[in-house]
Amino acid sequence: MIDSASLARLIGQRVRQERQARQWTLDQLAEGSDVSRRMVINIEQGVANPSIAILLKLSDALGVGLAALVDSPKPSGVQLTRSGMGPVLWSGEAGGRAMLVASTAPPDVVELWDWTLGPGDRHASDAHAKGTRELLHVLEGAVVVETAEQVVTLQTGDALSFPGDVPHAYANVRSTSARFSLSVFEPAVGSPPRARTSHV
């Protein structure tokens, strides 16, 4: 597994490469992504540890899938991620983590995540781009999924499909860790406009 400092440098390089390939200025990327210019600079310099929400804003603005910013380029065709070797893009205070283990290329991007929530861990997410859907399957423990419309508690083996284009959160309210697999479908990545919805 890549360490956080190396991952920050890799993300910085990838963001800069994608921005320069489009001949965009820092201001253009900041405006198009709704991420501050200072944050874009810090990310490109590899000194920031951007959240998943910020990475999604940047990848949407650049018209690439999230994996394009957090993983080294791979040849087309079969792409293998060995156990424990995906980039960790979130770490919880109680030992939780979110690892991106696989992704497809645009325009219709599907991401596969391996999530662990430590006791009391909670991850809140902004609304993703319009049309985003998420599929969650609990592998161990229990997970509470909060969406704009309802709160659902899932036990081991339970699965849930829900809209990702509304604010949502995953939480573990138990005293033992929980683990779940998450698939995220983002349609038409790179097809402007990529508006986010806010059903609040």
C-alpha atoms as a PDB file:
ATOM      1  CA  MET A   1       0.000   0.000   0.000  1.00  0.00           C
ATOM      2  CA  ILE A   2       1.333   3.433  -0.945  1.00  0.00           C
ATOM      3  CA  ASP A   3       2.055   5.757   1.999  1.00  0.00           C
ATOM      4  CA  SER A   4       0.138   9.025   2.371  1.00  0.00           C
ATOM      5  CA  ALA A   5       3.065  11.310   1.423  1.00  0.00           C
ATOM      6  CA  SER A   6       3.782   9.339  -1.756  1.00  0.00           C
ATOM      7  CA  LEU A   7       0.067   9.301  -2.599  1.00  0.00           C
ATOM      8  CA  ALA A   8      -0.134  13.099  -2.142  1.00  0.00           C
ATOM      9  CA  ARG A   9       2.816  13.555  -4.530  1.00  0.00           C
ATOM     10  CA  LEU A  10       1.267  11.171  -7.070  1.00  0.00           C
ATOM     11  CA  ILE A  11      -2.071  12.996  -6.933  1.00  0.00           C
ATOM     12  CA  GLY A  12      -0.272  16.316  -7.378  1.00  0.00           C
ATOM     13  CA  GLN A  13       1.557  15.059 -10.451  1.00  0.00           C
ATOM     14  CA  ARG A  14      -1.582  13.603 -11.994  1.00  0.00           C
ATOM     15  CA  VAL A  15      -3.673  16.760 -11.395  1.00  0.00           C
ATOM     16  CA  ARG A  16      -0.932  18.947 -12.881  1.00  0.00           C
ATOM     17  CA  GLN A  17      -0.535  16.630 -15.908  1.00  0.00           C
ATOM     18  CA  GLU A  18      -4.273  16.583 -16.605  1.00  0.00           C
ATOM     19  CA  ARG A  19      -4.532  20.366 -16.184  1.00  0.00           C
ATOM     20  CA  GLN A  20      -1.546  21.073 -18.432  1.00  0.00           C
ATOM     21  CA  ALA A  21      -2.780  18.607 -21.064  1.00  0.00           C
ATOM     22  CA  ARG A  22      -5.842  20.855 -21.394  1.00  0.00           C
ATOM     23  CA  GLN A  23      -3.682  24.005 -21.315  1.00  0.00           C
ATOM     24  CA  TRP A  24      -5.670  25.265 -18.340  1.00  0.00           C
ATOM     25  CA  THR A  25      -4.400  27.775 -15.824  1.00  0.00           C
ATOM     26  CA  LEU A  26      -4.678  27.165 -12.110  1.00  0.00           C
ATOM     27  CA  ASP A  27      -7.518  29.683 -12.049  1.00  0.00           C
ATOM     28  CA  GLN A  28      -9.416  27.818 -14.771  1.00  0.00           C
ATOM     29  CA  LEU A  29      -9.191  24.516 -12.893  1.00  0.00           C
ATOM     30  CA  ALA A  30     -10.145  26.190  -9.618  1.00  0.00           C
ATOM     31  CA  GLU A  31     -13.177  27.840 -11.197  1.00  0.00           C
ATOM     32  CA  GLY A  32     -14.269  24.743 -13.114  1.00  0.00           C
ATOM     33  CA  SER A  33     -13.984  22.468 -10.088  1.00  0.00           C
ATOM     34  CA  ASP A  34     -15.202  24.863  -7.373  1.00  0.00           C
ATOM     35  CA  VAL A  35     -11.972  24.135  -5.467  1.00  0.00           C
ATOM     36  CA  SER A  36      -9.981  27.114  -4.206  1.00  0.00           C
ATOM     37  CA  ARG A  37      -6.892  28.159  -6.160  1.00  0.00           C
ATOM     38  CA  ARG A  38      -4.780  27.778  -3.001  1.00  0.00           C
ATOM     39  CA  MET A  39      -6.011  24.190  -2.550  1.00  0.00           C
ATOM     40  CA  VAL A  40      -5.269  23.367  -6.203  1.00  0.00           C
ATOM     41  CA  ILE A  41      -1.737  24.736  -5.774  1.00  0.00           C
ATOM     42  CA  ASN A  42      -1.217  22.748  -2.565  1.00  0.00           C
ATOM     43  CA  ILE A  43      -2.483  19.581  -4.238  1.00  0.00           C
ATOM     44  CA  GLU A  44      -0.223  20.029  -7.273  1.00  0.00           C
ATOM     45  CA  GLN A  45       2.754  20.623  -4.979  1.00  0.00           C
ATOM     46  CA  GLY A  46       1.952  17.392  -3.132  1.00  0.00           C
ATOM     47  CA  VAL A  47       1.583  19.106   0.252  1.00  0.00           C
ATOM     48  CA  ALA A  48      -2.181  18.671   0.633  1.00  0.00           C
ATOM     49  CA  ASN A  49      -4.128  15.562   1.588  1.00  0.00           C
ATOM     50  CA  PRO A  50      -7.332  16.229  -0.377  1.00  0.00           C
ATOM     51  CA  SER A  51     -10.612  14.670   0.691  1.00  0.00           C
ATOM     52  CA  ILE A  52     -12.543  12.309  -1.550  1.00  0.00           C
ATOM     53  CA  ALA A  53     -15.031  15.156  -2.163  1.00  0.00           C
ATOM     54  CA  ILE A  54     -12.289  17.483  -3.456  1.00  0.00           C
ATOM     55  CA  LEU A  55     -10.792  14.740  -5.629  1.00  0.00           C
ATOM     56  CA  LEU A  56     -14.227  14.086  -7.138  1.00  0.00           C
ATOM     57  CA  LYS A  57     -14.660  17.789  -7.917  1.00  0.00           C
ATOM     58  CA  LEU A  58     -11.274  17.886  -9.654  1.00  0.00           C
ATOM     59  CA  SER A  59     -11.800  14.645 -11.578  1.00  0.00           C
ATOM     60  CA  ASP A  60     -15.257  15.811 -12.717  1.00  0.00           C
ATOM     61  CA  ALA A  61     -13.885  19.161 -13.880  1.00  0.00           C
ATOM     62  CA  LEU A  62     -11.054  17.451 -15.753  1.00  0.00           C
ATOM     63  CA  GLY A  63     -13.424  14.889 -17.278  1.00  0.00           C
ATOM     64  CA  VAL A  64     -11.560  11.870 -15.942  1.00  0.00           C
ATOM     65  CA  GLY A  65     -12.474   9.181 -13.453  1.00  0.00           C
ATOM     66  CA  LEU A  66     -11.259   9.488  -9.874  1.00  0.00           C
ATOM     67  CA  ALA A  67      -8.778   6.655 -10.426  1.00  0.00           C
ATOM     68  CA  ALA A  68      -6.944   8.765 -13.024  1.00  0.00           C
ATOM     69  CA  LEU A  69      -5.875  11.123 -10.232  1.00  0.00           C
ATOM     70  CA  VAL A  70      -4.937   8.599  -7.553  1.00  0.00           C
ATOM     71  CA  ASP A  71      -3.292   5.737  -9.388  1.00  0.00           C
ATOM     72  CA  SER A  72      -0.371   5.354 -11.759  1.00  0.00           C
ATOM     73  CA  PRO A  73      -1.354   4.964 -15.426  1.00  0.00           C
ATOM     74  CA  LYS A  74      -1.806   1.331 -16.455  1.00  0.00           C
ATOM     75  CA  PRO A  75      -1.905  -0.297 -19.867  1.00  0.00           C
ATOM     76  CA  SER A  76      -5.359  -0.913 -21.296  1.00  0.00           C
ATOM     77  CA  GLY A  77      -7.055  -4.253 -20.876  1.00  0.00           C
ATOM     78  CA  VAL A  78      -6.860  -6.292 -17.690  1.00  0.00           C
ATOM     79  CA  GLN A  79      -5.941  -4.195 -14.649  1.00  0.00           C
ATOM     80  CA  LEU A  80      -4.934  -6.005 -11.470  1.00  0.00           C
ATOM     81  CA  THR A  81      -4.918  -4.554  -7.963  1.00  0.00           C
ATOM     82  CA  ARG A  82      -3.336  -6.917  -5.454  1.00  0.00           C
ATOM     83  CA  SER A  83      -4.888  -7.267  -2.006  1.00  0.00           C
ATOM     84  CA  GLY A  84      -4.183  -4.193   0.110  1.00  0.00           C
ATOM     85  CA  MET A  85      -2.440  -2.309  -2.708  1.00  0.00           C
ATOM     86  CA  GLY A  86      -5.137   0.201  -3.730  1.00  0.00           C
ATOM     87  CA  PRO A  87      -4.831   3.877  -2.759  1.00  0.00           C
ATOM     88  CA  VAL A  88      -6.338   4.727   0.641  1.00  0.00           C
ATOM     89  CA  LEU A  89      -8.300   7.957   0.177  1.00  0.00           C
ATOM     90  CA  TRP A  90      -9.882   8.283   3.620  1.00  0.00           C
ATOM     91  CA  SER A  91      -8.793   7.316   7.121  1.00  0.00           C
ATOM     92  CA  GLY A  92     -11.103   7.431  10.128  1.00  0.00           C
ATOM     93  CA  GLU A  93     -10.220   8.396  13.686  1.00  0.00           C
ATOM     94  CA  ALA A  94     -11.057   4.887  14.919  1.00  0.00           C
ATOM     95  CA  GLY A  95      -8.988   3.033  12.331  1.00  0.00           C
ATOM     96  CA  GLY A  96     -11.395   3.026   9.395  1.00  0.00           C
ATOM     97  CA  ARG A  97     -10.240   3.465   5.812  1.00  0.00           C
ATOM     98  CA  ALA A  98     -11.532   3.679   2.263  1.00  0.00           C
ATOM     99  CA  MET A  99      -9.454   1.983  -0.424  1.00  0.00           C
ATOM    100  CA  LEU A 100     -10.187   2.373  -4.134  1.00  0.00           C
ATOM    101  CA  VAL A 101      -9.526  -1.105  -5.518  1.00  0.00           C
ATOM    102  CA  ALA A 102     -10.740  -0.872  -9.124  1.00  0.00           C
ATOM    103  CA  SER A 103     -12.262   1.545 -11.604  1.00  0.00           C
ATOM    104  CA  THR A 104     -13.372   1.725 -15.214  1.00  0.00           C
ATOM    105  CA  ALA A 105     -12.493   4.517 -17.642  1.00  0.00           C
ATOM    106  CA  PRO A 106     -14.848   7.353 -18.672  1.00  0.00           C
ATOM    107  CA  PRO A 107     -17.403   8.134 -19.874  1.00  0.00           C
ATOM    108  CA  ASP A 108     -19.477   5.831 -17.614  1.00  0.00           C
ATOM    109  CA  VAL A 109     -17.241   5.246 -14.606  1.00  0.00           C
ATOM    110  CA  VAL A 110     -17.719   2.449 -12.089  1.00  0.00           C
ATOM    111  CA  GLU A 111     -15.555   2.485  -8.967  1.00  0.00           C
ATOM    112  CA  LEU A 112     -15.117  -0.427  -6.559  1.00  0.00           C
ATOM    113  CA  TRP A 113     -14.167   0.437  -2.983  1.00  0.00           C
ATOM    114  CA  ASP A 114     -13.150  -1.581   0.081  1.00  0.00           C
ATOM    115  CA  TRP A 115     -14.306   0.274   3.208  1.00  0.00           C
ATOM    116  CA  THR A 116     -13.622  -0.359   6.880  1.00  0.00           C
ATOM    117  CA  LEU A 117     -15.281   1.676   9.636  1.00  0.00           C
ATOM    118  CA  GLY A 118     -13.802   1.495  13.116  1.00  0.00           C
ATOM    119  CA  PRO A 119     -16.069   1.734  16.160  1.00  0.00           C
ATOM    120  CA  GLY A 120     -17.797   5.125  16.020  1.00  0.00           C
ATOM    121  CA  ASP A 121     -16.351   6.043  12.599  1.00  0.00           C
ATOM    122  CA  ARG A 122     -18.571   8.102  10.289  1.00  0.00           C
ATOM    123  CA  HIS A 123     -17.850   9.384   6.791  1.00  0.00           C
ATOM    124  CA  ALA A 124     -20.085  12.099   5.342  1.00  0.00           C
ATOM    125  CA  SER A 125     -20.113  12.752   1.600  1.00  0.00           C
ATOM    126  CA  ASP A 126     -21.363  15.692  -0.424  1.00  0.00           C
ATOM    127  CA  ALA A 127     -23.729  15.016  -3.312  1.00  0.00           C
ATOM    128  CA  HIS A 128     -21.884  13.554  -6.295  1.00  0.00           C
ATOM    129  CA  ALA A 129     -22.635  14.433  -9.927  1.00  0.00           C
ATOM    130  CA  LYS A 130     -26.226  14.036 -11.092  1.00  0.00           C
ATOM    131  CA  GLY A 131     -27.181  10.436 -11.862  1.00  0.00           C
ATOM    132  CA  THR A 132     -24.575   8.854  -9.553  1.00  0.00           C
ATOM    133  CA  ARG A 133     -25.739   5.619  -7.892  1.00  0.00           C
ATOM    134  CA  GLU A 134     -24.095   3.619  -5.127  1.00  0.00           C
ATOM    135  CA  LEU A 135     -24.313  -0.068  -4.228  1.00  0.00           C
ATOM    136  CA  LEU A 136     -23.196  -1.117  -0.749  1.00  0.00           C
ATOM    137  CA  HIS A 137     -22.753  -4.682   0.542  1.00  0.00           C
ATOM    138  CA  VAL A 138     -21.896  -5.264   4.216  1.00  0.00           C
ATOM    139  CA  LEU A 139     -19.194  -7.919   4.631  1.00  0.00           C
ATOM    140  CA  GLU A 140     -18.663  -7.669   8.413  1.00  0.00           C
ATOM    141  CA  GLY A 141     -20.474  -5.929  11.251  1.00  0.00           C
ATOM    142  CA  ALA A 142     -23.245  -3.383  10.783  1.00  0.00           C
ATOM    143  CA  VAL A 143     -23.307  -0.129   8.788  1.00  0.00           C
ATOM    144  CA  VAL A 144     -25.744   2.770   9.034  1.00  0.00           C
ATOM    145  CA  VAL A 145     -26.334   4.517   5.700  1.00  0.00           C
ATOM    146  CA  GLU A 146     -27.772   8.014   5.878  1.00  0.00           C
ATOM    147  CA  THR A 147     -29.237   9.637   2.775  1.00  0.00           C
ATOM    148  CA  ALA A 148     -31.243  12.800   2.267  1.00  0.00           C
ATOM    149  CA  GLU A 149     -34.452  10.787   2.558  1.00  0.00           C
ATOM    150  CA  GLN A 150     -33.847   8.023   5.095  1.00  0.00           C
ATOM    151  CA  VAL A 151     -31.511   6.213   7.471  1.00  0.00           C
ATOM    152  CA  VAL A 152     -31.014   2.465   6.998  1.00  0.00           C
ATOM    153  CA  THR A 153     -29.141   0.047   9.263  1.00  0.00           C
ATOM    154  CA  LEU A 154     -27.535  -2.846   7.403  1.00  0.00           C
ATOM    155  CA  GLN A 155     -26.319  -6.073   8.991  1.00  0.00           C
ATOM    156  CA  THR A 156     -23.693  -8.496   7.668  1.00  0.00           C
ATOM    157  CA  GLY A 157     -24.822  -9.764   4.265  1.00  0.00           C
ATOM    158  CA  ASP A 158     -27.316  -6.921   3.668  1.00  0.00           C
ATOM    159  CA  ALA A 159     -27.024  -4.753   0.557  1.00  0.00           C
ATOM    160  CA  LEU A 160     -28.410  -1.368  -0.426  1.00  0.00           C
ATOM    161  CA  SER A 161     -28.761   0.636  -3.645  1.00  0.00           C
ATOM    162  CA  PHE A 162     -29.164   4.389  -3.227  1.00  0.00           C
ATOM    163  CA  PRO A 163     -28.631   7.696  -5.038  1.00  0.00           C
ATOM    164  CA  GLY A 164     -25.152   9.168  -4.667  1.00  0.00           C
ATOM    165  CA  ASP A 165     -26.228  12.543  -6.030  1.00  0.00           C
ATOM    166  CA  VAL A 166     -27.602  13.570  -2.624  1.00  0.00           C
ATOM    167  CA  PRO A 167     -25.628  14.183   0.584  1.00  0.00           C
ATOM    168  CA  HIS A 168     -25.051  10.843   2.301  1.00  0.00           C
ATOM    169  CA  ALA A 169     -22.982   9.178   5.008  1.00  0.00           C
ATOM    170  CA  TYR A 170     -21.774   5.787   6.220  1.00  0.00           C
ATOM    171  CA  ALA A 171     -21.465   5.174   9.968  1.00  0.00           C
ATOM    172  CA  ASN A 172     -20.570   2.434  12.415  1.00  0.00           C
ATOM    173  CA  VAL A 173     -22.381   2.876  15.728  1.00  0.00           C
ATOM    174  CA  ARG A 174     -21.164  -0.388  17.210  1.00  0.00           C
ATOM    175  CA  SER A 175     -18.113  -1.189  19.355  1.00  0.00           C
ATOM    176  CA  THR A 176     -16.597  -3.502  16.734  1.00  0.00           C
ATOM    177  CA  SER A 177     -15.319  -2.725  13.238  1.00  0.00           C
ATOM    178  CA  ALA A 178     -17.471  -2.971  10.134  1.00  0.00           C
ATOM    179  CA  ARG A 179     -16.415  -3.668   6.575  1.00  0.00           C
ATOM    180  CA  PHE A 180     -18.287  -3.158   3.336  1.00  0.00           C
ATOM    181  CA  SER A 181     -17.810  -3.198  -0.403  1.00  0.00           C
ATOM    182  CA  LEU A 182     -19.007  -0.115  -2.267  1.00  0.00           C
ATOM    183  CA  SER A 183     -19.604   0.330  -5.987  1.00  0.00           C
ATOM    184  CA  VAL A 184     -20.136   3.833  -7.343  1.00  0.00           C
ATOM    185  CA  PHE A 185     -21.587   4.440 -10.817  1.00  0.00           C
ATOM    186  CA  GLU A 186     -20.952   7.904 -12.286  1.00  0.00           C
ATOM    187  CA  PRO A 187     -22.506   8.401 -15.739  1.00  0.00           C
ATOM    188  CA  ALA A 188     -21.160  10.655 -18.487  1.00  0.00           C
ATOM    189  CA  VAL A 189     -17.902  11.690 -16.823  1.00  0.00           C
ATOM    190  CA  GLY A 190     -16.285  14.338 -18.993  1.00  0.00           C
ATOM    191  CA  SER A 191     -19.567  15.373 -20.627  1.00  0.00           C
ATOM    192  CA  PRO A 192     -20.301  18.964 -19.540  1.00  0.00           C
ATOM    193  CA  PRO A 193     -22.066  20.097 -17.546  1.00  0.00           C
ATOM    194  CA  ARG A 194     -21.379  17.813 -14.578  1.00  0.00           C
ATOM    195  CA  ALA A 195     -23.696  19.527 -12.145  1.00  0.00           C
ATOM    196  CA  ARG A 196     -24.012  18.279  -8.625  1.00  0.00           C
ATOM    197  CA  THR A 197     -27.445  18.079  -7.146  1.00  0.00           C
ATOM    198  CA  SER A 198     -28.302  19.177  -3.643  1.00  0.00           C
ATOM    199  CA  HIS A 199     -31.544  17.649  -2.426  1.00  0.00           C
ATOM    200  CA  VAL A 200     -31.523  19.434   0.922  1.00  0.00           C
END
